[in-house]
Amino acid sequence: MNNGFLSSVFLILIFKYIVHNGTISKTKGHNIKMFKTVIYLILLPIFLTISLSTIYTLYHYTSEAEKVSDYGVVFGAKVWQGGTPSHSLYDRTATSIRLFKEGKVRNLIFSGGFSDTGYWETDVMKKIALESGVPENRIVIDREGINTIATLKNIEVNGSFTLISNDFHLGRIRLLAYKVGLKDIQLQKAKYHYGRYIKEVYFFGREVIANIYYLFKA
């Protein structure tokens, strides 16, 4: 009788153990499924946002001015040692000079800041333009254009504007021009005189993130 009682108790304990561990396994499985769902719901909007910003950035790669503007606005870039313009600064400046000579812009606005090599970006741009035959009275200098949005905010003249920069930069320029209320604009991609840039993957990625940041920034 004692053996039968002990056997029954043993079987009951085994049954409880199986049921208990089965419940834990189900709970663990449910928790893992919930965790995966939460991660998916977090990552999906991030992926979609980055994808849309990438498409938006690429969309502006082919932008070219189609009509005559009162001003061609050139966005500054780095100056190398000895006052040599970086490839991006030269490409933007040379493109603006071409547009001026073709009669597509009537005046040039060179906007930029003080380079860490000890030169004003605007001075280097102006020097290239003067040496290329652009009259000095057709050049406007903005030394407070330390970044893209500053350049756009600093435009104080009235008229129409062709905004000139590298193709990867144009999407952000359009977005910020809209935000600061600049109306009569068109975009112009700069011609690459020395080939594409070594750091272009970085520049492109920066623009994709910057577009997202400025889209949601008040």
C-alpha atoms as a PDB file:
ATOM      1  CA  MET A   1       0.000   0.000   0.000  1.00  0.00           C
ATOM      2  CA  ASN A   2       2.831   2.340   0.849  1.00  0.00           C
ATOM      3  CA  ASN A   3       4.487   1.488  -2.463  1.00  0.00           C
ATOM      4  CA  GLY A   4       1.288   2.300  -4.366  1.00  0.00           C
ATOM      5  CA  PHE A   5       0.899   5.591  -2.526  1.00  0.00           C
ATOM      6  CA  LEU A   6       4.495   6.558  -3.217  1.00  0.00           C
ATOM      7  CA  SER A   7       4.097   5.615  -6.871  1.00  0.00           C
ATOM      8  CA  SER A   8       1.016   7.802  -7.163  1.00  0.00           C
ATOM      9  CA  VAL A   9       2.776  10.741  -5.554  1.00  0.00           C
ATOM     10  CA  PHE A  10       5.753  10.261  -7.840  1.00  0.00           C
ATOM     11  CA  LEU A  11       3.535  10.233 -10.950  1.00  0.00           C
ATOM     12  CA  ILE A  12       1.713  13.355  -9.780  1.00  0.00           C
ATOM     13  CA  LEU A  13       5.017  15.167  -9.265  1.00  0.00           C
ATOM     14  CA  ILE A  14       6.222  14.159 -12.724  1.00  0.00           C
ATOM     15  CA  PHE A  15       2.930  15.370 -14.272  1.00  0.00           C
ATOM     16  CA  LYS A  16       3.187  18.703 -12.456  1.00  0.00           C
ATOM     17  CA  TYR A  17       6.799  19.098 -13.601  1.00  0.00           C
ATOM     18  CA  ILE A  18       5.853  18.451 -17.233  1.00  0.00           C
ATOM     19  CA  VAL A  19       2.906  20.855 -17.102  1.00  0.00           C
ATOM     20  CA  HIS A  20       4.945  23.515 -15.303  1.00  0.00           C
ATOM     21  CA  ASN A  21       7.865  23.366 -17.752  1.00  0.00           C
ATOM     22  CA  GLY A  22       5.548  23.278 -20.721  1.00  0.00           C
ATOM     23  CA  THR A  23       3.919  26.490 -19.501  1.00  0.00           C
ATOM     24  CA  ILE A  24       7.322  28.124 -19.056  1.00  0.00           C
ATOM     25  CA  SER A  25       8.333  27.072 -22.547  1.00  0.00           C
ATOM     26  CA  LYS A  26       5.129  28.506 -23.958  1.00  0.00           C
ATOM     27  CA  THR A  27       5.673  31.727 -22.000  1.00  0.00           C
ATOM     28  CA  LYS A  28       9.248  31.991 -23.207  1.00  0.00           C
ATOM     29  CA  GLY A  29       8.137  31.361 -26.768  1.00  0.00           C
ATOM     30  CA  HIS A  30       5.465  34.035 -26.466  1.00  0.00           C
ATOM     31  CA  ASN A  31       7.947  36.527 -25.011  1.00  0.00           C
ATOM     32  CA  ILE A  32      10.425  35.886 -27.818  1.00  0.00           C
ATOM     33  CA  LYS A  33       7.690  36.385 -30.393  1.00  0.00           C
ATOM     34  CA  MET A  34       6.609  39.644 -28.732  1.00  0.00           C
ATOM     35  CA  PHE A  35      10.237  40.823 -28.599  1.00  0.00           C
ATOM     36  CA  LYS A  36      10.695  40.131 -32.306  1.00  0.00           C
ATOM     37  CA  THR A  37       7.473  42.005 -33.090  1.00  0.00           C
ATOM     38  CA  VAL A  38       8.581  45.051 -31.091  1.00  0.00           C
ATOM     39  CA  ILE A  39      11.990  45.085 -32.797  1.00  0.00           C
ATOM     40  CA  TYR A  40      10.280  44.791 -36.195  1.00  0.00           C
ATOM     41  CA  LEU A  41       7.928  47.684 -35.404  1.00  0.00           C
ATOM     42  CA  ILE A  42      10.901  49.823 -34.356  1.00  0.00           C
ATOM     43  CA  LEU A  43      13.201  48.955 -37.259  1.00  0.00           C
ATOM     44  CA  LEU A  44      10.604  49.093 -40.054  1.00  0.00           C
ATOM     45  CA  PRO A  45       9.916  52.867 -39.772  1.00  0.00           C
ATOM     46  CA  ILE A  46      13.655  53.544 -39.516  1.00  0.00           C
ATOM     47  CA  PHE A  47      14.334  51.476 -42.636  1.00  0.00           C
ATOM     48  CA  LEU A  48      11.512  53.165 -44.564  1.00  0.00           C
ATOM     49  CA  THR A  49      12.639  56.639 -43.506  1.00  0.00           C
ATOM     50  CA  ILE A  50      16.243  56.026 -44.567  1.00  0.00           C
ATOM     51  CA  SER A  51      15.076  54.463 -47.847  1.00  0.00           C
ATOM     52  CA  LEU A  52      12.854  57.439 -48.695  1.00  0.00           C
ATOM     53  CA  SER A  53      15.636  59.900 -47.831  1.00  0.00           C
ATOM     54  CA  THR A  54      18.024  57.950 -50.061  1.00  0.00           C
ATOM     55  CA  ILE A  55      15.567  58.089 -52.968  1.00  0.00           C
ATOM     56  CA  TYR A  56      14.996  61.808 -52.355  1.00  0.00           C
ATOM     57  CA  THR A  57      18.745  62.491 -52.379  1.00  0.00           C
ATOM     58  CA  LEU A  58      19.293  60.498 -55.585  1.00  0.00           C
ATOM     59  CA  TYR A  59      16.334  62.210 -57.261  1.00  0.00           C
ATOM     60  CA  HIS A  60      18.185  65.547 -57.229  1.00  0.00           C
ATOM     61  CA  TYR A  61      21.386  64.177 -58.800  1.00  0.00           C
ATOM     62  CA  THR A  62      20.353  65.255 -62.290  1.00  0.00           C
ATOM     63  CA  SER A  63      19.176  68.777 -61.401  1.00  0.00           C
ATOM     64  CA  GLU A  64      20.086  71.456 -63.934  1.00  0.00           C
ATOM     65  CA  ALA A  65      18.957  75.066 -64.339  1.00  0.00           C
ATOM     66  CA  GLU A  66      16.478  75.548 -67.168  1.00  0.00           C
ATOM     67  CA  LYS A  67      15.866  79.300 -67.058  1.00  0.00           C
ATOM     68  CA  VAL A  68      17.828  82.498 -66.475  1.00  0.00           C
ATOM     69  CA  SER A  69      18.208  83.581 -62.832  1.00  0.00           C
ATOM     70  CA  ASP A  70      19.174  86.891 -61.309  1.00  0.00           C
ATOM     71  CA  TYR A  71      21.714  85.227 -59.020  1.00  0.00           C
ATOM     72  CA  GLY A  72      23.766  82.081 -58.989  1.00  0.00           C
ATOM     73  CA  VAL A  73      24.367  81.107 -55.339  1.00  0.00           C
ATOM     74  CA  VAL A  74      27.519  79.063 -54.785  1.00  0.00           C
ATOM     75  CA  PHE A  75      27.889  77.100 -51.536  1.00  0.00           C
ATOM     76  CA  GLY A  76      31.351  77.095 -49.995  1.00  0.00           C
ATOM     77  CA  ALA A  77      33.601  74.119 -49.368  1.00  0.00           C
ATOM     78  CA  LYS A  78      37.035  73.410 -47.965  1.00  0.00           C
ATOM     79  CA  VAL A  79      40.176  75.293 -48.997  1.00  0.00           C
ATOM     80  CA  TRP A  80      43.382  73.265 -48.967  1.00  0.00           C
ATOM     81  CA  GLN A  81      46.819  74.366 -47.820  1.00  0.00           C
ATOM     82  CA  GLY A  82      48.304  77.295 -49.730  1.00  0.00           C
ATOM     83  CA  GLY A  83      44.877  78.616 -50.698  1.00  0.00           C
ATOM     84  CA  THR A  84      44.220  75.841 -53.211  1.00  0.00           C
ATOM     85  CA  PRO A  85      40.509  75.187 -53.652  1.00  0.00           C
ATOM     86  CA  SER A  86      39.381  71.678 -52.831  1.00  0.00           C
ATOM     87  CA  HIS A  87      37.894  69.813 -55.761  1.00  0.00           C
ATOM     88  CA  SER A  88      34.369  70.409 -54.482  1.00  0.00           C
ATOM     89  CA  LEU A  89      34.963  74.154 -54.081  1.00  0.00           C
ATOM     90  CA  TYR A  90      36.498  74.411 -57.542  1.00  0.00           C
ATOM     91  CA  ASP A  91      33.745  72.340 -59.156  1.00  0.00           C
ATOM     92  CA  ARG A  92      31.007  74.532 -57.682  1.00  0.00           C
ATOM     93  CA  THR A  93      32.784  77.777 -58.545  1.00  0.00           C
ATOM     94  CA  ALA A  94      33.694  76.728 -62.091  1.00  0.00           C
ATOM     95  CA  THR A  95      30.108  75.652 -62.744  1.00  0.00           C
ATOM     96  CA  SER A  96      28.817  79.048 -61.600  1.00  0.00           C
ATOM     97  CA  ILE A  97      31.282  80.836 -63.899  1.00  0.00           C
ATOM     98  CA  ARG A  98      30.123  78.716 -66.829  1.00  0.00           C
ATOM     99  CA  LEU A  99      26.503  79.613 -66.116  1.00  0.00           C
ATOM    100  CA  PHE A 100      27.439  83.302 -65.896  1.00  0.00           C
ATOM    101  CA  LYS A 101      29.254  83.222 -69.227  1.00  0.00           C
ATOM    102  CA  GLU A 102      26.352  81.379 -70.846  1.00  0.00           C
ATOM    103  CA  GLY A 103      23.990  84.103 -69.632  1.00  0.00           C
ATOM    104  CA  LYS A 104      22.053  81.744 -67.353  1.00  0.00           C
ATOM    105  CA  VAL A 105      22.811  83.784 -64.223  1.00  0.00           C
ATOM    106  CA  ARG A 106      23.286  87.548 -64.136  1.00  0.00           C
ATOM    107  CA  ASN A 107      25.244  87.769 -60.862  1.00  0.00           C
ATOM    108  CA  LEU A 108      27.139  85.437 -58.568  1.00  0.00           C
ATOM    109  CA  ILE A 109      26.846  85.098 -54.792  1.00  0.00           C
ATOM    110  CA  PHE A 110      29.835  83.340 -53.240  1.00  0.00           C
ATOM    111  CA  SER A 111      28.980  82.124 -49.743  1.00  0.00           C
ATOM    112  CA  GLY A 112      31.311  80.411 -47.302  1.00  0.00           C
ATOM    113  CA  GLY A 113      33.256  80.660 -44.078  1.00  0.00           C
ATOM    114  CA  PHE A 114      36.846  80.733 -42.866  1.00  0.00           C
ATOM    115  CA  SER A 115      38.696  77.533 -43.699  1.00  0.00           C
ATOM    116  CA  ASP A 116      40.798  75.785 -41.053  1.00  0.00           C
ATOM    117  CA  THR A 117      43.796  76.230 -43.372  1.00  0.00           C
ATOM    118  CA  GLY A 118      43.633  79.994 -42.858  1.00  0.00           C
ATOM    119  CA  TYR A 119      41.778  81.175 -45.965  1.00  0.00           C
ATOM    120  CA  TRP A 120      38.341  82.562 -46.641  1.00  0.00           C
ATOM    121  CA  GLU A 121      36.431  80.239 -48.941  1.00  0.00           C
ATOM    122  CA  THR A 122      34.761  83.267 -50.523  1.00  0.00           C
ATOM    123  CA  ASP A 123      38.113  84.904 -51.353  1.00  0.00           C
ATOM    124  CA  VAL A 124      39.293  81.786 -53.156  1.00  0.00           C
ATOM    125  CA  MET A 125      36.030  81.584 -55.094  1.00  0.00           C
ATOM    126  CA  LYS A 126      36.180  85.253 -56.030  1.00  0.00           C
ATOM    127  CA  LYS A 127      39.793  84.926 -57.185  1.00  0.00           C
ATOM    128  CA  ILE A 128      38.855  82.077 -59.537  1.00  0.00           C
ATOM    129  CA  ALA A 129      35.943  84.087 -60.908  1.00  0.00           C
ATOM    130  CA  LEU A 130      37.962  87.269 -61.494  1.00  0.00           C
ATOM    131  CA  GLU A 131      40.720  85.316 -63.225  1.00  0.00           C
ATOM    132  CA  SER A 132      38.042  83.787 -65.449  1.00  0.00           C
ATOM    133  CA  GLY A 133      36.763  87.174 -66.536  1.00  0.00           C
ATOM    134  CA  VAL A 134      33.752  87.715 -64.284  1.00  0.00           C
ATOM    135  CA  PRO A 135      33.405  91.475 -63.546  1.00  0.00           C
ATOM    136  CA  GLU A 136      33.851  92.320 -59.875  1.00  0.00           C
ATOM    137  CA  ASN A 137      30.608  94.301 -59.789  1.00  0.00           C
ATOM    138  CA  ARG A 138      28.716  91.109 -60.619  1.00  0.00           C
ATOM    139  CA  ILE A 139      30.046  89.304 -57.539  1.00  0.00           C
ATOM    140  CA  VAL A 140      28.420  89.361 -54.084  1.00  0.00           C
ATOM    141  CA  ILE A 141      30.363  88.011 -51.120  1.00  0.00           C
ATOM    142  CA  ASP A 142      28.802  86.360 -48.049  1.00  0.00           C
ATOM    143  CA  ARG A 143      31.403  85.503 -45.411  1.00  0.00           C
ATOM    144  CA  GLU A 144      28.774  84.337 -42.933  1.00  0.00           C
ATOM    145  CA  GLY A 145      27.727  81.322 -44.966  1.00  0.00           C
ATOM    146  CA  ILE A 146      29.291  78.849 -42.570  1.00  0.00           C
ATOM    147  CA  ASN A 147      26.842  76.093 -43.504  1.00  0.00           C
ATOM    148  CA  THR A 148      24.026  75.355 -45.934  1.00  0.00           C
ATOM    149  CA  ILE A 149      21.191  76.902 -43.980  1.00  0.00           C
ATOM    150  CA  ALA A 150      23.242  80.001 -43.113  1.00  0.00           C
ATOM    151  CA  THR A 151      23.945  80.598 -46.804  1.00  0.00           C
ATOM    152  CA  LEU A 152      20.245  80.435 -47.608  1.00  0.00           C
ATOM    153  CA  LYS A 153      19.220  82.651 -44.696  1.00  0.00           C
ATOM    154  CA  ASN A 154      21.849  85.239 -45.649  1.00  0.00           C
ATOM    155  CA  ILE A 155      20.377  85.897 -49.090  1.00  0.00           C
ATOM    156  CA  GLU A 156      19.134  89.460 -48.711  1.00  0.00           C
ATOM    157  CA  VAL A 157      18.598  90.449 -52.340  1.00  0.00           C
ATOM    158  CA  ASN A 158      15.331  90.019 -54.200  1.00  0.00           C
ATOM    159  CA  GLY A 159      15.085  88.037 -57.402  1.00  0.00           C
ATOM    160  CA  SER A 160      15.384  84.520 -58.751  1.00  0.00           C
ATOM    161  CA  PHE A 161      18.140  82.134 -57.723  1.00  0.00           C
ATOM    162  CA  THR A 162      20.045  79.190 -59.122  1.00  0.00           C
ATOM    163  CA  LEU A 163      21.510  77.229 -56.201  1.00  0.00           C
ATOM    164  CA  ILE A 164      24.792  75.592 -57.209  1.00  0.00           C
ATOM    165  CA  SER A 165      26.495  72.699 -55.443  1.00  0.00           C
ATOM    166  CA  ASN A 166      27.426  69.040 -55.802  1.00  0.00           C
ATOM    167  CA  ASP A 167      24.673  66.651 -56.830  1.00  0.00           C
ATOM    168  CA  PHE A 168      24.605  64.835 -53.475  1.00  0.00           C
ATOM    169  CA  HIS A 169      24.063  68.183 -51.695  1.00  0.00           C
ATOM    170  CA  LEU A 170      21.133  69.446 -53.738  1.00  0.00           C
ATOM    171  CA  GLY A 171      18.352  67.572 -51.931  1.00  0.00           C
ATOM    172  CA  ARG A 172      19.235  69.194 -48.615  1.00  0.00           C
ATOM    173  CA  ILE A 173      19.528  72.592 -50.300  1.00  0.00           C
ATOM    174  CA  ARG A 174      15.998  72.317 -51.700  1.00  0.00           C
ATOM    175  CA  LEU A 175      14.588  71.201 -48.360  1.00  0.00           C
ATOM    176  CA  LEU A 176      16.239  74.043 -46.452  1.00  0.00           C
ATOM    177  CA  ALA A 177      15.368  76.627 -49.111  1.00  0.00           C
ATOM    178  CA  TYR A 178      11.739  75.662 -48.612  1.00  0.00           C
ATOM    179  CA  LYS A 179      12.102  75.925 -44.841  1.00  0.00           C
ATOM    180  CA  VAL A 180      13.595  79.424 -44.935  1.00  0.00           C
ATOM    181  CA  GLY A 181      10.947  80.573 -47.401  1.00  0.00           C
ATOM    182  CA  LEU A 182      13.098  81.032 -50.515  1.00  0.00           C
ATOM    183  CA  LYS A 183      10.623  80.837 -53.382  1.00  0.00           C
ATOM    184  CA  ASP A 184      11.969  81.423 -56.883  1.00  0.00           C
ATOM    185  CA  ILE A 185      14.754  78.833 -57.014  1.00  0.00           C
ATOM    186  CA  GLN A 186      16.198  76.158 -59.237  1.00  0.00           C
ATOM    187  CA  LEU A 187      19.042  73.747 -58.649  1.00  0.00           C
ATOM    188  CA  GLN A 188      22.241  73.209 -60.594  1.00  0.00           C
ATOM    189  CA  LYS A 189      24.570  70.262 -60.114  1.00  0.00           C
ATOM    190  CA  ALA A 190      28.281  71.076 -60.279  1.00  0.00           C
ATOM    191  CA  LYS A 191      30.394  69.487 -62.986  1.00  0.00           C
ATOM    192  CA  TYR A 192      33.124  67.143 -61.714  1.00  0.00           C
ATOM    193  CA  HIS A 193      36.360  68.411 -63.242  1.00  0.00           C
ATOM    194  CA  TYR A 194      38.623  65.929 -61.446  1.00  0.00           C
ATOM    195  CA  GLY A 195      36.324  62.913 -61.220  1.00  0.00           C
ATOM    196  CA  ARG A 196      34.113  61.724 -58.379  1.00  0.00           C
ATOM    197  CA  TYR A 197      35.349  62.201 -54.824  1.00  0.00           C
ATOM    198  CA  ILE A 198      37.097  59.531 -52.762  1.00  0.00           C
ATOM    199  CA  LYS A 199      34.897  60.326 -49.743  1.00  0.00           C
ATOM    200  CA  GLU A 200      31.675  60.506 -51.724  1.00  0.00           C
ATOM    201  CA  VAL A 201      30.097  57.509 -49.975  1.00  0.00           C
ATOM    202  CA  TYR A 202      30.547  59.382 -46.700  1.00  0.00           C
ATOM    203  CA  PHE A 203      29.173  62.617 -48.210  1.00  0.00           C
ATOM    204  CA  PHE A 204      26.137  60.785 -49.569  1.00  0.00           C
ATOM    205  CA  GLY A 205      25.416  59.070 -46.265  1.00  0.00           C
ATOM    206  CA  ARG A 206      25.753  62.384 -44.443  1.00  0.00           C
ATOM    207  CA  GLU A 207      23.194  63.970 -46.753  1.00  0.00           C
ATOM    208  CA  VAL A 208      20.722  61.110 -46.285  1.00  0.00           C
ATOM    209  CA  ILE A 209      20.867  61.554 -42.505  1.00  0.00           C
ATOM    210  CA  ALA A 210      20.860  65.357 -42.724  1.00  0.00           C
ATOM    211  CA  ASN A 211      17.713  65.317 -44.854  1.00  0.00           C
ATOM    212  CA  ILE A 212      15.924  63.275 -42.196  1.00  0.00           C
ATOM    213  CA  TYR A 213      17.184  65.554 -39.421  1.00  0.00           C
ATOM    214  CA  TYR A 214      16.098  68.783 -41.104  1.00  0.00           C
ATOM    215  CA  LEU A 215      12.778  67.329 -42.215  1.00  0.00           C
ATOM    216  CA  PHE A 216      11.700  66.828 -38.601  1.00  0.00           C
ATOM    217  CA  LYS A 217      13.583  69.780 -37.125  1.00  0.00           C
ATOM    218  CA  ALA A 218      11.252  72.635 -36.166  1.00  0.00           C
END
